[in-house]
Amino acid sequence: MTVTVGNGVIAGAGLKAWIQGVMASEGGRPGLQLIQNYKFATDLAGWAADPAYARKTETGFNGGDPFVEYNGVSGNFDNFTTSNDADSGMLVEPSTTYIVSGTRTASFTGNYPQVQINTGADDGAGHAFPGTTLSSMRFTAAAAETRWSLQFTTGADTKRVWIRFQGLGGVGRLRLMKLNLTKDAAPQPYRDYFNNGK
């Protein structure tokens, strides 16, 4: 397996990587770009989290692995965003369709939180974050761990995107885990290329 990182350093076969994420291709399989710290392994590095979001672990939930929990109170609009600054969006290709997906549980009274994909307002290089919203979706109720997905297409000048989770004033709890950003034509099961693609 070959890995090409930012400056062209190569190590390993069929896996190309950039500084902000990893674009993978193995045996002709469509590519997968991994979100920075997509497993919240030891902390929330690479993410900007308002106070209502917290990294947690819980026996019997998500296989005991970390997840992010949002506790919404009335009128709360807190955000959880991939690197909330103009210089560190996720690198993407222009005029390309992507799917961001993950697993969630959710239960709310009133408005459910949403996920949206933002890009810079001018040339897509990350200026004036959050800039343009390429796509958005409100979550729905899910008592058990359930996959979700959101498709978006980058513009001709889009170079970076940010994933933004946002409370919309409802009261309840949202748990997020197993995030992927793929170039597949349809949503795929969770894949972890740092764990043999499983």
N, C-alpha and C. Protein backbone atom coordinates (compact mmCIF):
# COMPACT_ATOMS: atom_id res chain seq x y z
N MET A 1 0.85 -1.18 0.00
CA MET A 1 0.00 0.00 0.00
C MET A 1 0.88 1.23 0.00
N THR A 2 0.61 2.20 -0.92
CA THR A 2 1.44 3.39 -1.05
C THR A 2 0.73 4.59 -0.43
N VAL A 3 1.46 5.40 0.32
CA VAL A 3 0.89 6.60 0.92
C VAL A 3 1.69 7.81 0.46
N THR A 4 1.01 8.77 -0.15
CA THR A 4 1.66 10.01 -0.56
C THR A 4 1.15 11.12 0.34
N VAL A 5 2.01 11.72 1.11
CA VAL A 5 1.60 12.73 2.08
C VAL A 5 2.06 14.11 1.62
N GLY A 6 1.12 15.02 1.51
CA GLY A 6 1.33 16.43 1.20
C GLY A 6 2.50 16.75 0.29
N ASN A 7 3.71 16.55 0.75
CA ASN A 7 4.89 16.96 0.01
C ASN A 7 5.43 15.87 -0.90
N GLY A 8 4.67 14.77 -1.08
CA GLY A 8 5.08 13.73 -2.00
C GLY A 8 5.82 12.58 -1.35
N VAL A 9 5.93 12.58 -0.03
CA VAL A 9 6.55 11.44 0.66
C VAL A 9 5.69 10.22 0.45
N ILE A 10 6.31 9.09 0.14
CA ILE A 10 5.56 7.87 -0.16
C ILE A 10 5.93 6.76 0.80
N ALA A 11 4.92 6.03 1.25
CA ALA A 11 5.14 4.87 2.11
C ALA A 11 3.95 3.95 2.05
N GLY A 12 4.09 2.77 1.73
CA GLY A 12 3.04 1.79 1.76
C GLY A 12 2.33 1.62 0.44
N ALA A 13 0.73 0.81 -0.25
CA ALA A 13 0.34 0.70 -1.66
C ALA A 13 -1.08 1.13 -1.86
N GLY A 14 -1.41 1.93 -2.83
CA GLY A 14 -2.75 2.31 -3.20
C GLY A 14 -3.39 3.35 -2.30
N LEU A 15 -2.65 3.96 -1.42
CA LEU A 15 -3.25 4.94 -0.50
C LEU A 15 -2.55 6.28 -0.67
N LYS A 16 -3.29 7.30 -1.07
CA LYS A 16 -2.73 8.64 -1.24
C LYS A 16 -3.22 9.52 -0.11
N ALA A 17 -2.34 10.27 0.51
CA ALA A 17 -2.75 11.08 1.65
C ALA A 17 -2.34 12.53 1.49
N TRP A 18 -3.14 13.41 2.05
CA TRP A 18 -2.82 14.82 2.11
C TRP A 18 -2.75 15.23 3.57
N ILE A 19 -2.25 16.43 3.83
CA ILE A 19 -2.07 16.89 5.20
C ILE A 19 -3.36 16.82 6.00
N GLN A 20 -4.48 17.31 5.43
CA GLN A 20 -5.71 17.41 6.19
C GLN A 20 -6.54 16.13 6.19
N GLY A 21 -6.24 15.19 5.33
CA GLY A 21 -7.06 13.98 5.26
C GLY A 21 -6.37 12.95 4.43
N VAL A 22 -7.06 11.87 4.14
CA VAL A 22 -6.46 10.79 3.37
C VAL A 22 -7.42 10.41 2.25
N MET A 23 -6.90 10.41 1.03
CA MET A 23 -7.68 9.95 -0.10
C MET A 23 -7.17 8.56 -0.45
N ALA A 24 -8.04 7.58 -0.38
CA ALA A 24 -7.59 6.20 -0.54
C ALA A 24 -8.18 5.59 -1.79
N SER A 25 -7.40 4.74 -2.41
CA SER A 25 -7.87 3.97 -3.54
C SER A 25 -7.13 2.65 -3.53
N GLU A 26 -7.88 1.57 -3.50
CA GLU A 26 -7.26 0.26 -3.37
C GLU A 26 -8.00 -0.71 -4.27
N GLY A 27 -7.30 -1.28 -5.25
CA GLY A 27 -7.92 -2.26 -6.13
C GLY A 27 -9.06 -1.68 -6.94
N GLY A 28 -8.97 -0.41 -7.35
CA GLY A 28 -10.01 0.19 -8.17
C GLY A 28 -11.21 0.65 -7.36
N ARG A 29 -11.19 0.46 -6.06
CA ARG A 29 -12.32 0.88 -5.23
C ARG A 29 -12.36 2.39 -5.15
N PRO A 30 -13.56 3.03 -5.15
CA PRO A 30 -13.64 4.48 -5.08
C PRO A 30 -12.91 5.02 -3.86
N GLY A 31 -12.45 6.27 -3.96
CA GLY A 31 -11.61 6.85 -2.91
C GLY A 31 -12.37 7.23 -1.67
N LEU A 32 -11.64 7.31 -0.60
CA LEU A 32 -12.19 7.71 0.68
C LEU A 32 -11.26 8.75 1.29
N GLN A 33 -11.79 9.90 1.59
CA GLN A 33 -11.00 10.93 2.24
C GLN A 33 -11.39 10.96 3.71
N LEU A 34 -10.45 10.68 4.57
CA LEU A 34 -10.75 10.62 5.98
C LEU A 34 -10.76 12.00 6.61
N ILE A 35 -11.73 12.23 7.46
CA ILE A 35 -11.85 13.47 8.20
C ILE A 35 -10.78 13.47 9.30
N GLN A 36 -10.14 14.58 9.49
CA GLN A 36 -9.11 14.68 10.52
C GLN A 36 -9.68 14.30 11.89
N ASN A 37 -8.98 13.40 12.60
CA ASN A 37 -9.41 12.94 13.92
C ASN A 37 -10.87 12.49 13.91
N TYR A 38 -11.21 11.70 12.91
CA TYR A 38 -12.60 11.26 12.70
C TYR A 38 -13.08 10.27 13.76
N LYS A 39 -12.16 9.72 14.56
CA LYS A 39 -12.54 8.78 15.61
C LYS A 39 -12.46 9.40 17.00
N PHE A 40 -12.08 10.69 17.07
CA PHE A 40 -11.95 11.38 18.36
C PHE A 40 -11.11 10.55 19.32
N ALA A 41 -10.00 10.02 18.82
CA ALA A 41 -9.24 8.97 19.50
C ALA A 41 -8.81 9.35 20.91
N THR A 42 -8.19 10.50 21.08
CA THR A 42 -7.73 10.88 22.41
C THR A 42 -8.25 12.24 22.85
N ASP A 43 -8.72 13.04 21.89
CA ASP A 43 -9.22 14.38 22.19
C ASP A 43 -10.01 14.88 20.99
N LEU A 44 -10.26 16.17 20.94
CA LEU A 44 -10.99 16.75 19.81
C LEU A 44 -10.07 17.62 18.94
N ALA A 45 -8.80 17.24 18.87
CA ALA A 45 -7.86 17.96 18.01
C ALA A 45 -8.38 17.99 16.57
N GLY A 46 -8.26 19.15 15.92
CA GLY A 46 -8.75 19.28 14.56
C GLY A 46 -10.21 19.69 14.48
N TRP A 47 -10.86 19.81 15.62
CA TRP A 47 -12.26 20.22 15.68
C TRP A 47 -12.39 21.48 16.55
N ALA A 48 -13.40 22.28 16.27
CA ALA A 48 -13.75 23.42 17.10
C ALA A 48 -15.09 23.10 17.75
N ALA A 49 -15.11 22.99 19.07
CA ALA A 49 -16.31 22.54 19.77
C ALA A 49 -16.83 23.62 20.71
N ASP A 50 -18.05 24.08 20.49
CA ASP A 50 -18.71 24.96 21.45
C ASP A 50 -19.05 24.16 22.71
N PRO A 51 -19.40 24.84 23.83
CA PRO A 51 -19.53 24.17 25.12
C PRO A 51 -20.54 23.02 25.19
N ALA A 52 -21.55 23.00 24.33
CA ALA A 52 -22.57 21.95 24.42
C ALA A 52 -22.10 20.61 23.84
N TYR A 53 -20.89 20.58 23.24
CA TYR A 53 -20.35 19.35 22.65
C TYR A 53 -19.21 18.83 23.52
N ALA A 54 -19.18 17.50 23.71
CA ALA A 54 -18.13 16.91 24.53
C ALA A 54 -17.77 15.53 24.01
N ARG A 55 -16.49 15.18 24.10
CA ARG A 55 -16.03 13.83 23.76
C ARG A 55 -16.29 12.93 24.94
N LYS A 56 -16.86 11.73 24.69
CA LYS A 56 -17.21 10.81 25.77
C LYS A 56 -16.92 9.37 25.37
N THR A 57 -16.87 8.51 26.34
CA THR A 57 -16.90 7.06 26.14
C THR A 57 -17.93 6.49 27.10
N GLU A 58 -18.50 5.36 26.72
CA GLU A 58 -19.53 4.73 27.55
C GLU A 58 -19.54 3.23 27.29
N THR A 59 -19.46 2.46 28.33
CA THR A 59 -19.49 0.99 28.18
C THR A 59 -20.77 0.57 27.47
N GLY A 60 -20.63 -0.26 26.45
CA GLY A 60 -21.80 -0.77 25.73
C GLY A 60 -22.32 0.14 24.64
N PHE A 61 -21.67 1.29 24.43
CA PHE A 61 -22.10 2.20 23.37
C PHE A 61 -20.94 2.43 22.42
N ASN A 62 -21.20 2.34 21.11
CA ASN A 62 -20.17 2.53 20.08
C ASN A 62 -18.98 1.61 20.32
N GLY A 63 -19.24 0.42 20.81
CA GLY A 63 -18.18 -0.54 21.06
C GLY A 63 -17.18 -0.09 22.10
N GLY A 64 -17.59 0.87 22.93
CA GLY A 64 -16.69 1.40 23.94
C GLY A 64 -15.74 2.46 23.42
N ASP A 65 -15.82 2.76 22.11
CA ASP A 65 -14.94 3.77 21.50
C ASP A 65 -15.48 5.18 21.74
N PRO A 66 -14.64 6.20 21.60
CA PRO A 66 -15.09 7.58 21.84
C PRO A 66 -16.15 8.03 20.84
N PHE A 67 -16.96 8.98 21.28
CA PHE A 67 -17.96 9.62 20.43
C PHE A 67 -18.11 11.05 20.92
N VAL A 68 -18.82 11.87 20.14
CA VAL A 68 -19.11 13.24 20.55
C VAL A 68 -20.59 13.35 20.87
N GLU A 69 -20.88 13.98 22.00
CA GLU A 69 -22.26 14.14 22.44
C GLU A 69 -22.62 15.62 22.48
N TYR A 70 -23.77 15.94 21.89
CA TYR A 70 -24.32 17.30 21.95
C TYR A 70 -25.55 17.27 22.84
N ASN A 71 -25.54 18.08 23.88
CA ASN A 71 -26.71 18.22 24.76
C ASN A 71 -27.36 19.56 24.50
N GLY A 72 -28.49 19.52 23.79
CA GLY A 72 -29.18 20.74 23.42
C GLY A 72 -30.16 21.19 24.48
N VAL A 73 -30.11 22.47 24.79
CA VAL A 73 -31.10 23.09 25.67
C VAL A 73 -31.86 24.13 24.86
N SER A 74 -32.99 24.56 25.35
CA SER A 74 -33.84 25.48 24.61
C SER A 74 -33.07 26.72 24.17
N GLY A 75 -33.11 26.99 22.87
CA GLY A 75 -32.47 28.17 22.32
C GLY A 75 -30.98 28.03 22.05
N ASN A 76 -30.44 26.81 22.22
CA ASN A 76 -29.00 26.62 22.01
C ASN A 76 -28.69 26.37 20.53
N PHE A 77 -27.69 27.10 20.01
CA PHE A 77 -27.28 26.97 18.61
C PHE A 77 -25.79 26.68 18.51
N ASP A 78 -25.24 25.97 19.48
CA ASP A 78 -23.81 25.67 19.49
C ASP A 78 -23.39 24.87 18.26
N ASN A 79 -22.10 25.05 17.87
CA ASN A 79 -21.54 24.39 16.69
C ASN A 79 -20.41 23.44 17.06
N PHE A 80 -20.24 22.43 16.21
CA PHE A 80 -19.11 21.51 16.28
C PHE A 80 -18.59 21.40 14.85
N THR A 81 -17.38 21.94 14.60
CA THR A 81 -16.90 22.17 13.24
C THR A 81 -15.49 21.63 13.06
N THR A 82 -15.23 21.08 11.87
CA THR A 82 -13.87 20.68 11.54
C THR A 82 -13.02 21.93 11.43
N SER A 83 -12.08 22.10 12.35
CA SER A 83 -11.10 23.20 12.34
C SER A 83 -11.72 24.52 11.92
N ASN A 84 -12.30 25.20 12.88
CA ASN A 84 -13.10 26.40 12.61
C ASN A 84 -12.23 27.63 12.35
N ASP A 85 -11.43 27.61 11.29
CA ASP A 85 -10.68 28.78 10.88
C ASP A 85 -10.45 28.72 9.37
N ALA A 86 -10.03 29.83 8.80
CA ALA A 86 -9.99 29.95 7.34
C ALA A 86 -8.85 29.19 6.69
N ASP A 87 -7.90 28.71 7.45
CA ASP A 87 -6.72 28.08 6.86
C ASP A 87 -6.72 26.56 6.89
N SER A 88 -7.69 25.95 7.55
CA SER A 88 -7.55 24.51 7.80
C SER A 88 -8.76 23.68 7.40
N GLY A 89 -9.47 24.09 6.36
CA GLY A 89 -10.54 23.25 5.86
C GLY A 89 -9.99 21.96 5.25
N MET A 90 -10.88 21.02 4.98
CA MET A 90 -10.47 19.75 4.38
C MET A 90 -10.27 19.95 2.88
N LEU A 91 -9.17 19.47 2.37
CA LEU A 91 -8.86 19.60 0.95
C LEU A 91 -9.77 18.70 0.13
N VAL A 92 -10.40 19.27 -0.89
CA VAL A 92 -11.28 18.51 -1.78
C VAL A 92 -10.96 18.88 -3.22
N GLU A 93 -11.53 18.13 -4.14
CA GLU A 93 -11.36 18.39 -5.56
C GLU A 93 -12.53 19.23 -6.07
N PRO A 94 -12.30 20.12 -7.02
CA PRO A 94 -13.40 20.92 -7.57
C PRO A 94 -14.35 20.08 -8.41
N SER A 95 -15.59 20.55 -8.51
CA SER A 95 -16.63 19.93 -9.36
C SER A 95 -16.72 18.43 -9.12
N THR A 96 -16.74 18.04 -7.86
CA THR A 96 -16.76 16.62 -7.49
C THR A 96 -17.84 16.38 -6.45
N THR A 97 -18.53 15.24 -6.57
CA THR A 97 -19.58 14.89 -5.62
C THR A 97 -19.01 14.03 -4.51
N TYR A 98 -19.32 14.40 -3.29
CA TYR A 98 -18.87 13.69 -2.10
C TYR A 98 -20.08 13.29 -1.25
N ILE A 99 -19.86 12.35 -0.37
CA ILE A 99 -20.85 11.98 0.64
C ILE A 99 -20.16 12.00 2.00
N VAL A 100 -20.69 12.79 2.92
CA VAL A 100 -20.23 12.73 4.30
C VAL A 100 -21.25 11.85 5.05
N SER A 101 -20.74 10.94 5.86
CA SER A 101 -21.63 10.01 6.55
C SER A 101 -21.11 9.74 7.94
N GLY A 102 -21.96 9.19 8.75
CA GLY A 102 -21.58 8.86 10.12
C GLY A 102 -22.65 8.02 10.77
N THR A 103 -22.47 7.77 12.04
CA THR A 103 -23.46 7.05 12.84
C THR A 103 -23.93 7.99 13.94
N ARG A 104 -25.21 7.89 14.29
CA ARG A 104 -25.74 8.78 15.32
C ARG A 104 -26.86 8.10 16.09
N THR A 105 -27.10 8.61 17.30
CA THR A 105 -28.36 8.45 17.99
C THR A 105 -28.87 9.85 18.25
N ALA A 106 -30.18 10.02 18.28
CA ALA A 106 -30.73 11.37 18.47
C ALA A 106 -32.14 11.29 19.03
N SER A 107 -32.41 12.17 19.99
CA SER A 107 -33.76 12.31 20.55
C SER A 107 -33.93 13.76 21.00
N PHE A 108 -34.88 14.46 20.38
CA PHE A 108 -35.08 15.88 20.67
C PHE A 108 -36.55 16.24 20.75
N THR A 109 -36.85 17.26 21.54
CA THR A 109 -38.12 17.95 21.52
C THR A 109 -37.89 19.27 20.82
N GLY A 110 -38.68 19.56 19.80
CA GLY A 110 -38.45 20.75 19.01
C GLY A 110 -37.49 20.45 17.88
N ASN A 111 -36.74 21.44 17.45
CA ASN A 111 -35.86 21.29 16.28
C ASN A 111 -34.70 20.35 16.56
N TYR A 112 -34.50 19.42 15.63
CA TYR A 112 -33.33 18.56 15.68
C TYR A 112 -32.11 19.32 15.15
N PRO A 113 -30.89 18.97 15.61
CA PRO A 113 -29.68 19.60 15.08
C PRO A 113 -29.51 19.28 13.59
N GLN A 114 -28.59 20.00 12.96
CA GLN A 114 -28.31 19.77 11.55
C GLN A 114 -26.82 19.57 11.32
N VAL A 115 -26.51 19.02 10.15
CA VAL A 115 -25.14 18.96 9.66
C VAL A 115 -25.11 19.73 8.35
N GLN A 116 -24.06 20.51 8.14
CA GLN A 116 -23.95 21.24 6.88
C GLN A 116 -22.51 21.25 6.41
N ILE A 117 -22.36 21.44 5.11
CA ILE A 117 -21.04 21.51 4.48
C ILE A 117 -20.85 22.94 4.01
N ASN A 118 -19.79 23.59 4.49
CA ASN A 118 -19.49 24.97 4.13
C ASN A 118 -18.20 25.05 3.33
N THR A 119 -18.12 26.10 2.50
CA THR A 119 -16.86 26.42 1.84
C THR A 119 -16.67 27.92 1.85
N GLY A 120 -15.47 28.37 1.53
CA GLY A 120 -15.18 29.80 1.54
C GLY A 120 -16.06 30.56 0.57
N ALA A 121 -16.28 31.82 0.89
CA ALA A 121 -17.23 32.62 0.11
C ALA A 121 -16.68 33.07 -1.23
N ASP A 122 -15.34 33.14 -1.37
CA ASP A 122 -14.82 33.69 -2.62
C ASP A 122 -14.27 32.60 -3.54
N ASP A 123 -13.05 32.13 -3.33
CA ASP A 123 -12.45 31.20 -4.27
C ASP A 123 -12.40 29.77 -3.73
N GLY A 124 -13.07 29.49 -2.62
CA GLY A 124 -13.08 28.14 -2.07
C GLY A 124 -11.81 27.79 -1.33
N ALA A 125 -10.92 28.73 -1.15
CA ALA A 125 -9.66 28.44 -0.47
C ALA A 125 -9.78 28.57 1.04
N GLY A 126 -10.96 28.86 1.51
CA GLY A 126 -11.17 28.93 2.95
C GLY A 126 -11.35 30.33 3.47
N HIS A 127 -11.49 31.31 2.61
CA HIS A 127 -11.68 32.68 3.06
C HIS A 127 -13.11 32.90 3.55
N ALA A 128 -13.24 33.77 4.51
CA ALA A 128 -14.56 34.19 5.00
C ALA A 128 -15.41 33.03 5.49
N PHE A 129 -14.77 32.08 6.19
CA PHE A 129 -15.52 30.98 6.78
C PHE A 129 -16.64 31.55 7.65
N PRO A 130 -17.88 30.99 7.67
CA PRO A 130 -18.24 29.75 7.00
C PRO A 130 -18.61 29.88 5.54
N GLY A 131 -18.72 31.10 5.02
CA GLY A 131 -18.93 31.24 3.59
C GLY A 131 -20.20 30.58 3.09
N THR A 132 -20.09 29.87 1.97
CA THR A 132 -21.24 29.28 1.29
C THR A 132 -21.56 27.90 1.85
N THR A 133 -22.85 27.62 2.05
CA THR A 133 -23.30 26.29 2.44
C THR A 133 -23.57 25.48 1.18
N LEU A 134 -22.83 24.39 1.00
CA LEU A 134 -23.01 23.54 -0.19
C LEU A 134 -24.18 22.58 -0.03
N SER A 135 -24.43 22.14 1.22
CA SER A 135 -25.52 21.20 1.47
C SER A 135 -25.77 21.16 2.97
N SER A 136 -26.99 20.80 3.37
CA SER A 136 -27.30 20.67 4.79
C SER A 136 -28.43 19.67 4.99
N MET A 137 -28.55 19.17 6.20
CA MET A 137 -29.56 18.16 6.51
C MET A 137 -29.85 18.21 8.01
N ARG A 138 -31.12 18.13 8.37
CA ARG A 138 -31.49 18.00 9.77
C ARG A 138 -31.53 16.52 10.15
N PHE A 139 -31.03 16.23 11.34
CA PHE A 139 -31.10 14.86 11.83
C PHE A 139 -32.54 14.52 12.22
N THR A 140 -32.83 13.24 12.27
CA THR A 140 -34.12 12.73 12.73
C THR A 140 -33.90 11.79 13.90
N ALA A 141 -34.98 11.40 14.53
CA ALA A 141 -34.90 10.55 15.72
C ALA A 141 -34.23 9.22 15.40
N ALA A 142 -33.41 8.74 16.32
CA ALA A 142 -32.77 7.44 16.20
C ALA A 142 -32.40 6.96 17.60
N ALA A 143 -33.15 5.97 18.10
CA ALA A 143 -32.89 5.46 19.44
C ALA A 143 -31.65 4.58 19.46
N ALA A 144 -31.43 3.83 18.36
CA ALA A 144 -30.26 2.96 18.25
C ALA A 144 -29.23 3.62 17.33
N GLU A 145 -28.00 3.12 17.34
CA GLU A 145 -26.94 3.64 16.49
C GLU A 145 -27.32 3.44 15.02
N THR A 146 -27.46 4.53 14.28
CA THR A 146 -27.99 4.51 12.92
C THR A 146 -27.12 5.34 11.99
N ARG A 147 -26.83 4.81 10.78
CA ARG A 147 -26.03 5.55 9.81
C ARG A 147 -26.85 6.70 9.21
N TRP A 148 -26.17 7.79 8.89
CA TRP A 148 -26.76 8.91 8.18
C TRP A 148 -25.78 9.34 7.08
N SER A 149 -26.28 10.07 6.10
CA SER A 149 -25.39 10.53 5.02
C SER A 149 -25.93 11.82 4.42
N LEU A 150 -25.01 12.61 3.87
CA LEU A 150 -25.35 13.88 3.22
C LEU A 150 -24.45 14.03 2.01
N GLN A 151 -25.07 14.22 0.85
CA GLN A 151 -24.31 14.37 -0.39
C GLN A 151 -24.12 15.85 -0.72
N PHE A 152 -22.95 16.20 -1.26
CA PHE A 152 -22.71 17.57 -1.72
C PHE A 152 -21.77 17.55 -2.91
N THR A 153 -21.85 18.59 -3.72
CA THR A 153 -20.98 18.72 -4.89
C THR A 153 -20.20 20.03 -4.78
N THR A 154 -18.90 19.93 -4.94
CA THR A 154 -18.06 21.12 -4.86
C THR A 154 -18.19 21.96 -6.13
N GLY A 155 -17.91 23.25 -6.00
CA GLY A 155 -17.94 24.14 -7.14
C GLY A 155 -16.66 24.05 -7.95
N ALA A 156 -16.64 24.75 -9.07
CA ALA A 156 -15.49 24.70 -9.97
C ALA A 156 -14.23 25.28 -9.32
N ASP A 157 -14.40 26.14 -8.30
CA ASP A 157 -13.24 26.74 -7.65
C ASP A 157 -13.10 26.31 -6.18
N THR A 158 -13.87 25.30 -5.76
CA THR A 158 -13.81 24.86 -4.37
C THR A 158 -12.53 24.07 -4.10
N LYS A 159 -11.80 24.47 -3.08
CA LYS A 159 -10.57 23.78 -2.70
C LYS A 159 -10.66 23.17 -1.31
N ARG A 160 -11.49 23.76 -0.44
CA ARG A 160 -11.60 23.29 0.94
C ARG A 160 -13.05 23.32 1.39
N VAL A 161 -13.40 22.40 2.27
CA VAL A 161 -14.73 22.41 2.88
C VAL A 161 -14.59 22.17 4.38
N TRP A 162 -15.64 22.55 5.10
CA TRP A 162 -15.74 22.29 6.53
C TRP A 162 -17.05 21.56 6.80
N ILE A 163 -17.01 20.62 7.73
CA ILE A 163 -18.22 19.96 8.19
C ILE A 163 -18.64 20.66 9.48
N ARG A 164 -19.89 21.04 9.55
CA ARG A 164 -20.38 21.82 10.69
C ARG A 164 -21.66 21.18 11.23
N PHE A 165 -21.63 20.76 12.47
CA PHE A 165 -22.82 20.29 13.17
C PHE A 165 -23.35 21.45 14.01
N GLN A 166 -24.66 21.66 14.01
CA GLN A 166 -25.20 22.84 14.68
C GLN A 166 -26.52 22.52 15.37
N GLY A 167 -26.62 22.93 16.64
CA GLY A 167 -27.90 22.87 17.33
C GLY A 167 -28.84 23.91 16.75
N LEU A 168 -30.13 23.61 16.77
CA LEU A 168 -31.13 24.53 16.22
C LEU A 168 -32.19 24.88 17.26
N GLY A 169 -31.78 24.91 18.52
CA GLY A 169 -32.68 25.38 19.57
C GLY A 169 -33.52 24.32 20.24
N GLY A 170 -33.48 23.08 19.74
CA GLY A 170 -34.27 22.00 20.34
C GLY A 170 -33.62 21.46 21.60
N VAL A 171 -34.41 20.71 22.37
CA VAL A 171 -33.95 20.14 23.63
C VAL A 171 -33.76 18.63 23.45
N GLY A 172 -32.56 18.13 23.74
CA GLY A 172 -32.33 16.70 23.61
C GLY A 172 -30.85 16.37 23.51
N ARG A 173 -30.56 15.18 22.97
CA ARG A 173 -29.18 14.69 22.91
C ARG A 173 -28.90 14.05 21.56
N LEU A 174 -27.76 14.43 20.97
CA LEU A 174 -27.26 13.86 19.72
C LEU A 174 -25.88 13.27 20.00
N ARG A 175 -25.66 12.04 19.56
CA ARG A 175 -24.34 11.42 19.67
C ARG A 175 -23.82 11.11 18.27
N LEU A 176 -22.54 11.46 18.01
CA LEU A 176 -21.93 11.32 16.69
C LEU A 176 -20.70 10.44 16.76
N MET A 177 -20.53 9.57 15.76
CA MET A 177 -19.38 8.66 15.72
C MET A 177 -19.22 8.11 14.30
N LYS A 178 -18.10 7.40 14.05
CA LYS A 178 -17.86 6.69 12.79
C LYS A 178 -18.08 7.58 11.56
N LEU A 179 -17.34 8.68 11.48
CA LEU A 179 -17.49 9.63 10.38
C LEU A 179 -16.62 9.25 9.19
N ASN A 180 -17.13 9.45 7.99
CA ASN A 180 -16.40 9.26 6.74
C ASN A 180 -16.72 10.38 5.78
N LEU A 181 -15.80 10.68 4.89
CA LEU A 181 -16.05 11.56 3.74
C LEU A 181 -15.60 10.81 2.51
N THR A 182 -16.55 10.42 1.65
CA THR A 182 -16.25 9.54 0.53
C THR A 182 -16.60 10.18 -0.81
N LYS A 183 -15.98 9.64 -1.87
CA LYS A 183 -16.31 10.04 -3.23
C LYS A 183 -17.16 8.96 -3.91
N ASP A 184 -17.71 8.07 -3.14
CA ASP A 184 -18.58 7.04 -3.71
C ASP A 184 -19.86 7.66 -4.26
N ALA A 185 -20.50 6.95 -5.19
CA ALA A 185 -21.74 7.43 -5.79
C ALA A 185 -22.93 7.28 -4.85
N ALA A 186 -22.80 6.40 -3.88
CA ALA A 186 -23.88 6.16 -2.92
C ALA A 186 -23.27 5.96 -1.54
N PRO A 187 -24.05 6.17 -0.48
CA PRO A 187 -23.53 5.97 0.87
C PRO A 187 -22.95 4.58 1.05
N GLN A 188 -21.87 4.49 1.80
CA GLN A 188 -21.18 3.24 2.05
C GLN A 188 -21.17 2.93 3.55
N PRO A 189 -20.99 1.65 3.92
CA PRO A 189 -20.78 1.35 5.32
C PRO A 189 -19.52 2.03 5.82
N TYR A 190 -19.43 2.21 7.11
CA TYR A 190 -18.25 2.84 7.70
C TYR A 190 -17.00 2.06 7.34
N ARG A 191 -15.95 2.79 6.92
CA ARG A 191 -14.68 2.16 6.57
C ARG A 191 -13.55 2.90 7.29
N ASP A 192 -12.62 2.16 7.82
CA ASP A 192 -11.50 2.72 8.55
C ASP A 192 -10.20 2.28 7.89
N TYR A 193 -9.63 3.15 7.04
CA TYR A 193 -8.44 2.77 6.29
C TYR A 193 -7.19 2.67 7.16
N PHE A 194 -7.28 3.15 8.39
CA PHE A 194 -6.16 2.99 9.30
C PHE A 194 -6.30 1.69 10.10
N ASN A 195 -7.34 0.92 9.77
CA ASN A 195 -7.55 -0.38 10.43
C ASN A 195 -7.95 -1.39 9.37
N ASN A 196 -7.10 -1.51 8.34
CA ASN A 196 -7.31 -2.46 7.24
C ASN A 196 -8.63 -2.24 6.50
N GLY A 197 -9.07 -1.01 6.45
CA GLY A 197 -10.27 -0.69 5.68
C GLY A 197 -11.56 -1.15 6.31
N LYS A 198 -11.54 -1.52 7.58
CA LYS A 198 -12.76 -2.03 8.22
C LYS A 198 -13.36 -0.98 9.13
